[in-house]
Protein backbone atom coordinates (compact mmCIF):
# COMPACT_ATOMS: atom_id res chain seq x y z
CA MET A 1 15.52 186.33 123.87
CA SER A 2 17.45 188.36 121.39
CA ALA A 3 16.37 191.59 119.93
CA SER A 4 15.68 190.09 116.52
CA GLU A 5 13.13 187.64 117.85
CA VAL A 6 11.50 190.58 119.75
CA GLU A 7 11.23 192.72 116.60
CA ASP A 8 9.69 189.65 114.81
CA LYS A 9 6.94 189.14 117.40
CA ALA A 10 6.14 193.09 117.47
CA SER A 11 5.84 192.94 113.60
CA VAL A 12 3.51 189.92 113.72
CA ALA A 13 1.29 191.61 116.35
CA ARG A 14 1.29 194.75 114.22
CA SER A 15 0.25 192.81 111.15
CA GLU A 16 -2.60 191.04 113.14
CA VAL A 17 -3.82 194.40 114.40
CA SER A 18 -3.88 195.89 110.77
CA VAL A 19 -5.73 192.85 109.44
CA LYS A 20 -8.49 193.24 112.11
CA THR A 21 -8.83 196.99 111.71
CA ASN A 22 -8.87 196.79 107.92
CA SER A 23 -11.27 193.66 107.75
CA PRO A 24 -14.92 194.60 106.88
CA PRO A 25 -17.41 194.44 109.79
CA PHE A 26 -19.40 191.29 110.27
CA HIS A 27 -23.03 191.51 109.10
CA ARG A 28 -25.53 189.03 110.39
CA PRO A 29 -27.50 187.57 107.58
CA PRO A 30 -31.10 188.69 107.68
CA PRO A 31 -33.54 186.04 109.10
CA LEU A 32 -35.59 184.15 106.48
CA ILE A 33 -39.19 185.43 106.36
CA ASP A 34 -41.98 183.12 105.16
CA GLN A 35 -44.34 185.56 103.00
CA ASN A 36 -47.13 183.02 103.38
CA SER A 37 -46.86 183.15 107.47
CA VAL A 38 -46.91 186.95 107.17
CA SER A 39 -49.95 186.99 104.85
CA LYS A 40 -51.63 184.52 106.96
CA PHE A 41 -51.00 186.73 110.20
CA LYS A 42 -52.32 189.71 108.51
CA SER A 43 -55.32 188.02 107.28
CA ARG A 44 -56.02 186.63 110.87
CA ARG A 45 -55.84 189.93 112.22
CA ILE A 46 -58.06 191.57 109.78
CA THR A 47 -60.51 188.81 110.55
CA VAL A 48 -60.28 189.24 114.42
CA ASN A 49 -60.78 193.04 113.97
CA LYS A 50 -63.77 192.44 111.91
CA ILE A 51 -65.28 189.96 114.52
CA TYR A 52 -64.46 192.46 117.12
CA LYS A 53 -66.39 195.31 115.27
CA VAL A 54 -69.47 193.16 114.80
CA PHE A 55 -69.51 192.21 118.48
CA TRP A 56 -69.13 195.72 119.48
CA SER A 57 -71.82 196.87 117.39
CA ILE A 58 -74.17 194.18 118.48
CA LEU A 59 -73.20 194.86 122.27
CA VAL A 60 -74.07 198.75 121.70
CA CYS A 61 -77.21 197.95 119.79
CA LEU A 62 -78.49 195.74 122.70
CA ILE A 63 -77.55 198.48 125.29
CA VAL A 64 -79.31 201.11 123.17
CA SER A 65 -82.47 198.96 122.95
CA CYS A 66 -82.55 198.08 126.59
CA SER A 67 -82.06 201.66 127.74
CA LEU A 68 -84.98 202.82 125.54
CA ILE A 69 -87.11 200.17 126.92
CA GLY A 70 -86.06 200.84 130.52
CA PHE A 71 -86.86 204.38 129.85
CA VAL A 72 -90.40 203.67 128.51
CA GLU A 73 -91.11 201.06 131.36
CA SER A 74 -89.89 203.14 134.05
CA ALA A 75 -91.94 206.29 132.91
CA LYS A 76 -94.77 204.07 132.77
CA LEU A 77 -94.52 202.73 136.25
CA SER A 78 -93.94 206.14 137.86
CA PHE A 79 -97.57 206.96 137.31
CA VAL A 80 -99.41 206.01 140.49
CA SER A 81 -103.12 205.64 140.82
CA GLY A 82 -105.05 205.74 144.03
CA SER A 83 -107.58 203.31 145.48
CA ASN A 84 -109.94 204.59 142.72
CA SER A 85 -108.27 203.72 139.49
CA THR A 86 -109.63 206.71 137.93
CA ILE A 87 -107.65 209.09 140.02
CA THR A 88 -103.84 209.62 139.60
CA ILE A 89 -102.10 210.61 142.76
CA VAL A 90 -98.63 210.68 141.15
CA ASN A 91 -98.70 212.36 137.77
CA PRO A 92 -95.13 213.69 137.23
CA PRO A 93 -94.20 214.38 133.36
CA SER A 94 -92.84 217.77 134.23
CA PHE A 95 -91.01 216.76 137.58
CA LEU A 96 -89.68 213.66 136.06
CA THR A 97 -88.28 215.34 132.95
CA TYR A 98 -86.51 217.85 135.19
CA LEU A 99 -85.01 215.04 137.42
CA SER A 100 -83.94 212.83 134.38
CA THR A 101 -82.28 215.75 132.64
CA SER A 102 -80.28 216.60 135.78
CA TRP A 103 -78.39 213.14 135.14
CA LEU A 104 -76.87 214.75 132.07
CA ILE A 105 -74.62 216.88 134.21
CA SER A 106 -72.38 213.81 134.95
CA PHE A 107 -71.45 213.18 131.22
CA TYR A 108 -68.19 215.35 131.22
CA PRO A 109 -67.20 214.43 134.69
CA LEU A 110 -67.28 210.76 133.73
CA GLN A 111 -65.13 211.61 130.72
CA CYS A 112 -62.66 213.34 132.93
CA ILE A 113 -62.57 210.22 135.07
CA THR A 114 -61.45 208.35 132.02
CA HIS A 115 -58.78 210.74 131.21
CA ILE A 116 -57.48 210.29 134.83
CA PHE A 117 -57.36 206.43 134.39
CA ARG A 118 -55.32 207.16 131.12
CA LYS A 119 -52.74 208.71 133.64
CA GLU A 120 -53.16 212.08 132.14
CA LYS A 121 -52.05 215.01 134.28
CA LYS A 122 -54.38 217.56 135.77
CA ASN A 123 -52.90 220.42 133.70
CA ASP A 124 -53.80 218.34 130.52
CA ILE A 125 -57.30 217.92 131.68
CA ILE A 126 -57.86 221.74 132.42
CA ASN A 127 -56.31 222.54 129.12
CA ASN A 128 -58.49 220.01 127.47
CA LEU A 129 -61.65 221.68 129.15
CA LYS A 130 -60.61 225.15 127.85
CA LEU A 131 -60.04 223.75 124.29
CA ASN A 132 -63.50 222.10 124.24
CA LEU A 133 -65.18 225.21 125.46
CA SER A 134 -63.23 227.37 122.73
CA GLY A 135 -64.43 224.77 120.16
CA PHE A 136 -68.00 224.91 121.36
CA PHE A 137 -68.23 228.49 121.96
CA PRO A 138 -65.79 230.54 119.50
CA GLU A 139 -64.58 233.96 120.54
CA SER A 140 -66.02 235.52 117.13
CA MET A 141 -69.53 234.41 117.98
CA ARG A 142 -71.88 236.87 119.66
CA TRP A 143 -73.67 236.24 123.03
CA TYR A 144 -77.01 236.07 121.70
CA LYS A 145 -75.79 233.03 119.52
CA TYR A 146 -74.82 231.25 122.63
CA VAL A 147 -78.09 231.71 124.21
CA PHE A 148 -80.00 230.83 121.03
CA ARG A 149 -78.07 227.51 120.72
CA MET A 150 -78.63 226.50 124.33
CA PHE A 151 -82.21 227.57 123.99
CA VAL A 152 -82.93 225.29 121.09
CA LEU A 153 -81.20 222.41 122.55
CA VAL A 154 -83.07 222.64 125.96
CA VAL A 155 -86.56 222.96 124.14
CA LEU A 156 -85.87 220.06 121.81
CA TRP A 157 -84.65 218.03 124.77
CA ASN A 158 -87.81 218.81 126.86
CA ILE A 159 -89.97 217.99 123.90
CA ILE A 160 -88.34 214.59 123.61
CA THR A 161 -88.48 213.47 127.25
CA TYR A 162 -91.76 215.19 128.11
CA SER A 163 -93.57 213.82 125.24
CA ILE A 164 -92.63 210.14 125.94
CA ILE A 165 -93.03 210.44 129.64
CA LYS A 166 -96.60 211.95 129.18
CA SER A 167 -97.91 209.44 126.67
CA SER A 168 -96.54 206.41 128.36
CA ASN A 169 -99.41 206.50 131.07
CA LEU A 170 -101.85 205.53 128.32
CA VAL A 171 -100.16 204.18 125.15
CA PRO A 172 -98.83 200.65 125.15
CA SER A 173 -94.93 200.48 125.40
CA VAL A 174 -94.85 198.49 122.29
CA ASP A 175 -96.38 201.44 120.11
CA ILE A 176 -94.08 203.84 121.80
CA VAL A 177 -91.01 201.84 120.85
CA VAL A 178 -92.29 201.12 117.31
CA ILE A 179 -93.08 204.84 116.77
CA PHE A 180 -89.70 205.99 118.21
CA CYS A 181 -87.81 203.54 116.12
CA THR A 182 -88.73 205.40 112.85
CA ASN A 183 -86.27 208.16 113.78
CA SER A 184 -83.38 206.72 111.60
CA SER A 185 -85.23 207.53 108.29
CA THR A 186 -86.35 210.93 109.62
CA MET A 187 -82.70 211.63 110.61
CA TYR A 188 -81.48 210.72 107.12
CA LEU A 189 -83.93 213.13 105.48
CA LEU A 190 -82.88 215.88 107.80
CA HIS A 191 -79.11 215.19 107.23
CA TRP A 192 -79.84 215.14 103.31
CA VAL A 193 -81.77 218.62 103.82
CA MET A 194 -79.83 220.34 106.38
CA LEU A 195 -76.14 218.96 106.05
CA HIS A 196 -76.33 218.22 102.45
CA LYS A 197 -75.63 214.66 102.65
CA LYS A 198 -75.58 212.30 99.65
CA PHE A 199 -79.15 211.56 98.06
CA VAL A 200 -79.83 207.88 98.22
CA ALA A 201 -83.10 206.94 96.72
CA LEU A 202 -83.47 203.68 98.82
CA ARG A 203 -83.44 205.57 102.00
CA ILE A 204 -86.10 208.01 100.64
CA ILE A 205 -88.35 204.65 100.17
CA ALA A 206 -87.20 203.70 103.84
CA PHE A 207 -88.51 207.10 105.07
CA ILE A 208 -92.08 206.64 103.22
CA LEU A 209 -92.25 203.21 104.77
CA SER A 210 -91.50 204.30 108.25
CA SER A 211 -93.83 207.29 107.79
CA SER A 212 -96.55 204.73 106.76
CA GLY A 213 -95.94 202.64 109.60
CA MET A 214 -96.07 205.56 112.09
CA ILE A 215 -99.49 206.68 110.37
CA VAL A 216 -100.93 203.16 110.71
CA ASN A 217 -100.05 202.81 114.45
CA VAL A 218 -101.29 206.42 115.23
CA TYR A 219 -104.76 205.61 113.71
CA ASP A 220 -104.97 201.98 115.41
CA ASN A 221 -106.69 203.37 118.43
CA THR A 222 -108.45 206.72 118.09
CA SER A 223 -109.07 207.15 121.77
CA ILE A 224 -105.32 207.77 122.33
CA ILE A 225 -104.58 209.36 119.25
CA TRP A 226 -103.26 212.52 120.57
CA TYR A 227 -100.75 210.78 122.93
CA LYS A 228 -99.42 208.96 119.86
CA ILE A 229 -99.01 212.19 118.01
CA LEU A 230 -97.07 213.14 121.06
CA ILE A 231 -94.70 210.22 120.47
CA SER A 232 -94.31 211.24 116.86
CA THR A 233 -93.44 214.63 117.81
CA ALA A 234 -90.72 213.47 120.07
CA THR A 235 -89.49 211.20 117.38
CA VAL A 236 -89.16 214.25 114.93
CA ALA A 237 -87.73 216.37 117.93
CA TYR A 238 -85.12 213.53 118.39
CA ALA A 239 -83.96 213.74 114.90
CA VAL A 240 -83.79 217.45 114.83
CA PHE A 241 -81.91 217.43 117.96
CA HIS A 242 -79.18 214.83 116.61
CA VAL A 243 -78.77 216.78 113.42
CA TYR A 244 -78.59 220.31 115.28
CA THR A 245 -76.13 218.82 117.64
CA ARG A 246 -73.93 217.71 114.70
CA SER A 247 -74.31 220.96 112.99
CA ILE A 248 -72.96 223.09 115.72
CA ILE A 249 -70.08 220.84 116.87
CA VAL A 250 -66.94 221.64 115.17
CA THR A 251 -64.98 218.48 115.99
CA LYS A 252 -67.09 215.51 116.56
CA ASN A 253 -65.25 213.65 119.64
CA GLN A 254 -66.40 212.33 122.80
CA ASP A 255 -65.10 215.41 124.71
CA HIS A 256 -67.07 217.66 122.86
CA ILE A 257 -70.25 215.85 122.86
CA SER A 258 -69.84 215.10 126.65
CA LEU A 259 -69.40 218.68 127.43
CA LEU A 260 -72.37 219.57 125.19
CA TYR A 261 -74.71 217.34 127.37
CA THR A 262 -73.18 218.48 130.73
CA LEU A 263 -73.93 222.09 129.58
CA LEU A 264 -77.41 221.01 128.45
CA GLY A 265 -78.07 219.41 131.93
CA LEU A 266 -76.83 222.46 133.88
CA VAL A 267 -78.86 224.82 131.78
CA ASN A 268 -82.02 222.79 132.15
CA THR A 269 -81.44 222.43 135.84
CA LEU A 270 -80.80 226.11 136.51
CA PHE A 271 -83.73 227.48 134.28
CA VAL A 272 -86.49 224.96 133.86
CA TRP A 273 -87.49 224.28 137.34
CA PRO A 274 -90.18 226.92 137.33
CA ILE A 275 -92.19 224.75 134.89
CA PHE A 276 -92.61 221.68 137.41
CA VAL A 277 -93.12 224.23 140.23
CA PHE A 278 -95.99 225.65 138.36
CA THR A 279 -97.64 222.66 137.11
CA SER A 280 -97.11 220.41 140.32
CA LEU A 281 -97.06 222.85 143.37
CA VAL A 282 -98.70 226.32 142.39
CA THR A 283 -101.57 224.40 140.36
CA SER A 284 -102.93 220.82 140.31
CA ALA A 285 -102.29 220.36 136.56
CA GLU A 286 -99.76 217.49 137.19
CA LEU A 287 -100.85 216.35 140.82
CA ILE A 288 -98.13 214.74 142.86
CA THR A 289 -98.56 213.33 146.31
CA TRP A 290 -95.12 213.47 147.47
CA ASN A 291 -95.45 210.58 150.08
CA ASN A 292 -96.39 208.12 147.24
CA ILE A 293 -93.59 208.99 144.78
CA PRO A 294 -91.97 205.72 143.38
CA TRP A 295 -88.39 206.82 143.83
CA ASN A 296 -86.93 203.69 142.33
CA TYR A 297 -88.57 204.03 139.07
CA PHE A 298 -87.64 207.95 138.93
CA ILE A 299 -84.09 206.86 139.34
CA GLY A 300 -84.44 203.96 136.81
CA CYS A 301 -85.68 206.55 134.39
CA GLY A 302 -82.84 208.99 134.95
CA ILE A 303 -80.23 206.05 134.60
CA SER A 304 -82.00 204.81 131.49
CA ILE A 305 -81.75 208.29 129.83
CA PHE A 306 -78.28 208.76 130.60
CA THR A 307 -77.44 205.30 129.39
CA LEU A 308 -79.35 205.58 126.24
CA PHE A 309 -77.88 209.01 125.01
CA LEU A 310 -74.38 207.82 126.16
CA SER A 311 -74.31 204.58 124.26
CA THR A 312 -76.08 206.34 121.32
CA GLU A 313 -73.30 208.85 120.93
CA ILE A 314 -70.71 206.12 121.43
CA ALA A 315 -72.24 204.17 118.52
CA HIS A 316 -72.21 207.17 116.26
CA LEU A 317 -68.73 207.94 116.91
CA THR A 318 -67.38 204.26 116.63
CA SER A 319 -69.93 202.31 114.56
CA THR A 320 -70.59 202.48 110.77
CA ARG A 321 -73.63 204.01 109.07
CA GLY A 322 -75.47 200.82 108.68
CA MET A 323 -75.01 199.84 112.40
CA ARG A 324 -76.16 203.21 113.52
CA ASN A 325 -79.42 202.95 111.71
CA LEU A 326 -79.92 199.40 113.33
CA LEU A 327 -79.42 200.73 116.94
CA PHE A 328 -83.17 200.57 118.01
CA ILE A 329 -84.28 197.44 116.02
CA ALA A 330 -83.53 195.00 118.69
CA ALA A 331 -86.02 197.12 121.06
CA ILE A 332 -89.15 196.00 119.04
CA PRO A 333 -88.90 192.20 119.68
CA ILE A 334 -87.47 192.60 123.24
CA ILE A 335 -90.36 195.01 124.22
CA TYR A 336 -92.89 192.53 122.66
CA ILE A 337 -91.65 189.63 124.70
CA ILE A 338 -91.52 191.71 127.85
CA ASP A 339 -95.01 193.04 127.66
CA THR A 340 -96.40 189.80 126.47
CA TYR A 341 -94.66 187.20 128.53
CA TRP A 342 -93.54 189.11 131.73
CA LEU A 343 -95.41 192.08 132.56
CA LYS A 344 -98.72 190.52 130.96
CA ALA A 345 -99.54 194.00 129.76
CA LEU A 346 -100.19 193.15 126.26
CA SER A 347 -102.79 190.52 125.98
CA LYS A 348 -103.62 191.17 122.14
CA ILE A 349 -102.06 192.89 119.29
CA SER A 350 -104.13 194.19 116.49
CA ASP A 351 -103.73 193.67 112.82
CA LEU A 352 -102.67 197.40 112.15
CA GLN A 353 -100.12 197.01 114.88
CA ILE A 354 -98.64 193.95 113.00
CA VAL A 355 -98.71 196.03 109.75
CA SER A 356 -96.87 199.16 111.33
CA LEU A 357 -94.32 196.86 113.21
CA VAL A 358 -93.37 195.19 109.86
CA LEU A 359 -93.29 198.34 108.03
CA VAL A 360 -90.98 199.97 110.58
CA ILE A 361 -88.77 196.95 110.57
CA VAL A 362 -88.47 196.95 106.67
CA SER A 363 -87.80 200.70 106.64
CA ILE A 364 -84.94 200.40 109.27
CA LEU A 365 -83.30 197.50 107.15
CA LEU A 366 -83.52 199.50 103.95
CA ALA A 367 -82.12 202.51 105.74
CA SER A 368 -79.10 200.56 107.01
CA THR A 369 -78.23 199.05 103.56
CA PRO A 370 -74.79 200.19 102.60
CA SER A 371 -74.45 202.57 99.66
CA SER A 372 -72.08 200.31 97.91
CA TRP A 373 -74.55 197.55 97.89
CA MET A 374 -77.29 199.85 96.40
CA ASN A 375 -74.79 201.13 93.83
CA LEU A 376 -73.93 197.69 92.89
CA CYS A 377 -77.39 196.59 92.40
CA SER A 378 -78.42 199.48 90.48
CA SER A 379 -75.55 198.99 88.14
CA LYS A 380 -76.43 195.31 87.65
CA ILE A 381 -80.05 196.11 87.08
CA PHE A 382 -79.85 199.23 84.81
CA LYS A 383 -76.75 198.37 82.89
CA LYS A 384 -78.54 196.65 79.87
CA HIS A 385 -81.71 198.22 80.07
CA SER A 386 -81.07 201.95 80.61
CA PRO A 387 -81.61 204.09 77.36
CA TYR A 388 -78.87 206.38 78.85
CA GLN A 389 -76.46 203.66 78.72
CA MET A 390 -77.51 202.82 75.30
CA ARG A 391 -77.13 206.43 74.12
CA ARG A 392 -73.71 206.42 75.94
CA VAL A 393 -72.63 203.37 74.03
CA SER A 394 -73.69 204.77 70.68
CA ILE A 395 -72.09 208.27 71.45
CA SER A 396 -68.83 206.48 72.59
CA ALA A 397 -68.85 204.29 69.34
CA ARG A 398 -69.59 207.33 67.29
CA SER A 399 -66.74 209.34 68.87
CA ASN A 400 -64.32 206.15 68.41
CA LEU A 401 -65.22 206.13 64.72
CA ILE A 402 -64.64 209.88 64.11
CA GLY A 403 -61.35 209.84 66.27
CA ASN A 404 -59.93 206.86 64.35
CA GLY A 405 -60.79 208.30 61.10
CA GLY A 406 -59.43 211.74 62.07
CA VAL A 407 -56.07 210.11 63.09
CA ARG A 408 -55.90 208.11 59.72
CA MET A 409 -56.74 211.20 57.76
CA SER A 410 -54.26 213.27 59.51
CA ALA A 411 -51.57 210.72 59.08
CA SER A 412 -52.34 210.44 55.44
CA LEU A 413 -52.24 214.15 55.06
CA ASN A 414 -48.80 214.36 56.54
CA ASN A 415 -47.42 211.53 54.47
CA SER A 416 -48.98 212.71 51.38
CA ALA A 417 -48.58 216.56 51.66
CA SER A 418 -45.29 216.46 49.47
CA SER A 419 -46.87 214.05 46.78
CA PRO A 420 -49.71 215.59 44.73
CA GLY A 421 -50.08 212.13 43.20
CA HIS A 422 -51.98 210.93 46.11
CA ARG A 423 -54.79 213.48 46.19
CA ASP A 424 -57.12 211.51 44.44
CA SER A 425 -56.64 208.55 46.87
CA LEU A 426 -56.91 210.77 49.79
CA ALA A 427 -60.19 212.42 48.52
CA SER A 428 -61.81 208.99 47.98
CA GLU A 429 -60.68 207.78 51.59
CA MET A 430 -62.25 211.04 52.92
CA LEU A 431 -65.60 210.26 51.25
CA HIS A 432 -65.40 206.69 52.27
CA LYS A 433 -65.06 207.88 55.96
CA ILE A 434 -67.81 210.48 55.66
CA GLY A 435 -70.12 207.87 54.37
CA ASN A 436 -69.35 205.32 57.37
CA ILE A 437 -70.18 208.19 59.76
CA SER A 438 -73.36 209.31 58.20
CA THR A 439 -74.53 205.44 57.80
CA HIS A 440 -73.72 204.96 61.58
CA ILE A 441 -75.75 208.25 62.54
CA PHE A 442 -78.82 207.27 60.39
CA ALA A 443 -78.58 203.87 61.64
CA SER A 444 -79.04 204.91 65.16
CA GLN A 445 -82.56 204.25 66.97
CA LYS A 446 -82.92 207.84 68.05
CA THR A 447 -82.48 209.30 64.52
CA ARG A 448 -84.93 206.75 63.05
CA GLN A 449 -87.43 207.78 65.59
CA ARG A 450 -87.12 211.34 64.67
CA LEU A 451 -87.19 210.82 60.97
CA GLY A 452 -90.21 208.68 61.57
CA SER A 453 -91.87 211.46 63.59
CA ILE A 454 -91.17 214.01 60.82
CA PHE A 455 -92.05 212.08 57.72
CA GLY A 456 -94.61 209.47 59.20
C-alpha cells in the first residue's frame, strides 16, 4: 500500500470522527401520554381513597360502639349476688375502677412496639420519648402546674369510670348507652366555650335536643333517678376530659396522646389505691368476697375501656368532624338487640325511653352535619327573604349609582375645565344626578316606613 492511500484512509477516519463528535446528541422523543387516561386514573384513585375513608370510619365506629357495650355489660356482670338476691357479695366499683385504669399503662409501650415494627432505631425511640415528655411538660412550667394537670385528669377519669360502673348494677344498659351518647353535643358546647371554636346554631339545637332526651330518660324511672344522674355526670365528665386533654397537649399526635394515657394510668395506680382499700377492706361500704370475684368480667371490663379510648383517640386523629360525632350512634341499636334478644334483660321498653332514644339519635345526626351543608342551606333559605340581604342590595345599588355618577361628573369636569361654554350643561347634568339619587333614596322601603312613622 502506497503512502498516498494510507493518508487518504487516515483523512477519511478523521472526518468520520469529527462528524460523530460534532453531531448533536440523540434525543428520544417523549412518549405520547393520553390525558384522558391520566384523568381517569386520578379520578379512580380519588374514588378509592374516599371508599377507604368511609370503610375505615365505619369500622372505627363499630369498634367504639362495641367497646362501650362491652364495658357496660362487663361492669353489670361483675356484680355478684348471693343465694339471697338482696345481698351483693361482690360490689366492686372502686376496685374495678382501679384495675381497669391500670390497663392504660400499656398505651405508650404499644405505641413503641409500632415504632419497632416500622424498623426505627432504639435511639430514635428514646429521643422520641424525651421529645414527647418535653412537649407535655415544658421546662418553663412550675411543678405545681404539673401536679394540678395530673390531679384534674385523674379526678375526671375516676368520675367517668366509677359512675358508669356504680350505676350499671341497677340501670338498664340501654339507658346507660343512650345517656352516654349525648356527649358529642356537650363536647361541642365545651369546645365553643373553652377553645373558642366556630359557633354553629344547628349544633346548639342538637345540644338542646340531647339534653331533653337525657332529662326524659332520667325521669323515666324515679326509683333509680340518682343512678341515672351519675351516668349524666359521667357523660359531662367525659366531655370535659376530652376538651381538657386537647387544651394541654401542644401537638396532637398519637405519641403525645399515648404518653398522656400511660402517665394517667401510672399516677392512678400509684396514688388511688387507698380508696378501694378503704371502701373494700377497711370498711364494708363496697363488700367484696374475694373467692367469688368474676375475674373474666373484670378482665373484659379493662380490655373494653382500653379499646374504647384507644379507638376513640384514633378516630379523633384520622376521621372528620362528622364521623367523630357519629362514633357512638351504632351502640344504641346494638345494645337494644343484645338486651332484648340475647340476654333477655329488657322485656319491655317504655314510651319515655323511646322518646329519649329518638331525641338523642336526632341530636347526634344534627351534630354530625357538616358546616358546609348548613351554610349552603342557610344561604338558599334566607337569600331572598332576609331584610339584611334586601338592605345590602339597596345599599349596593345606591353606591353603584353614586359611583357611576361621580365618575361621569369627574370625567366631564376634566373635559370641560378649559371650556366655560359647557358649564350650563354640566350644572344641569349634576342636578339630574342629584335628582336621581334623591328619588332612589326616598323610594326605598325603609325610608317610606320612617316617613310614615313621622308624619303618619
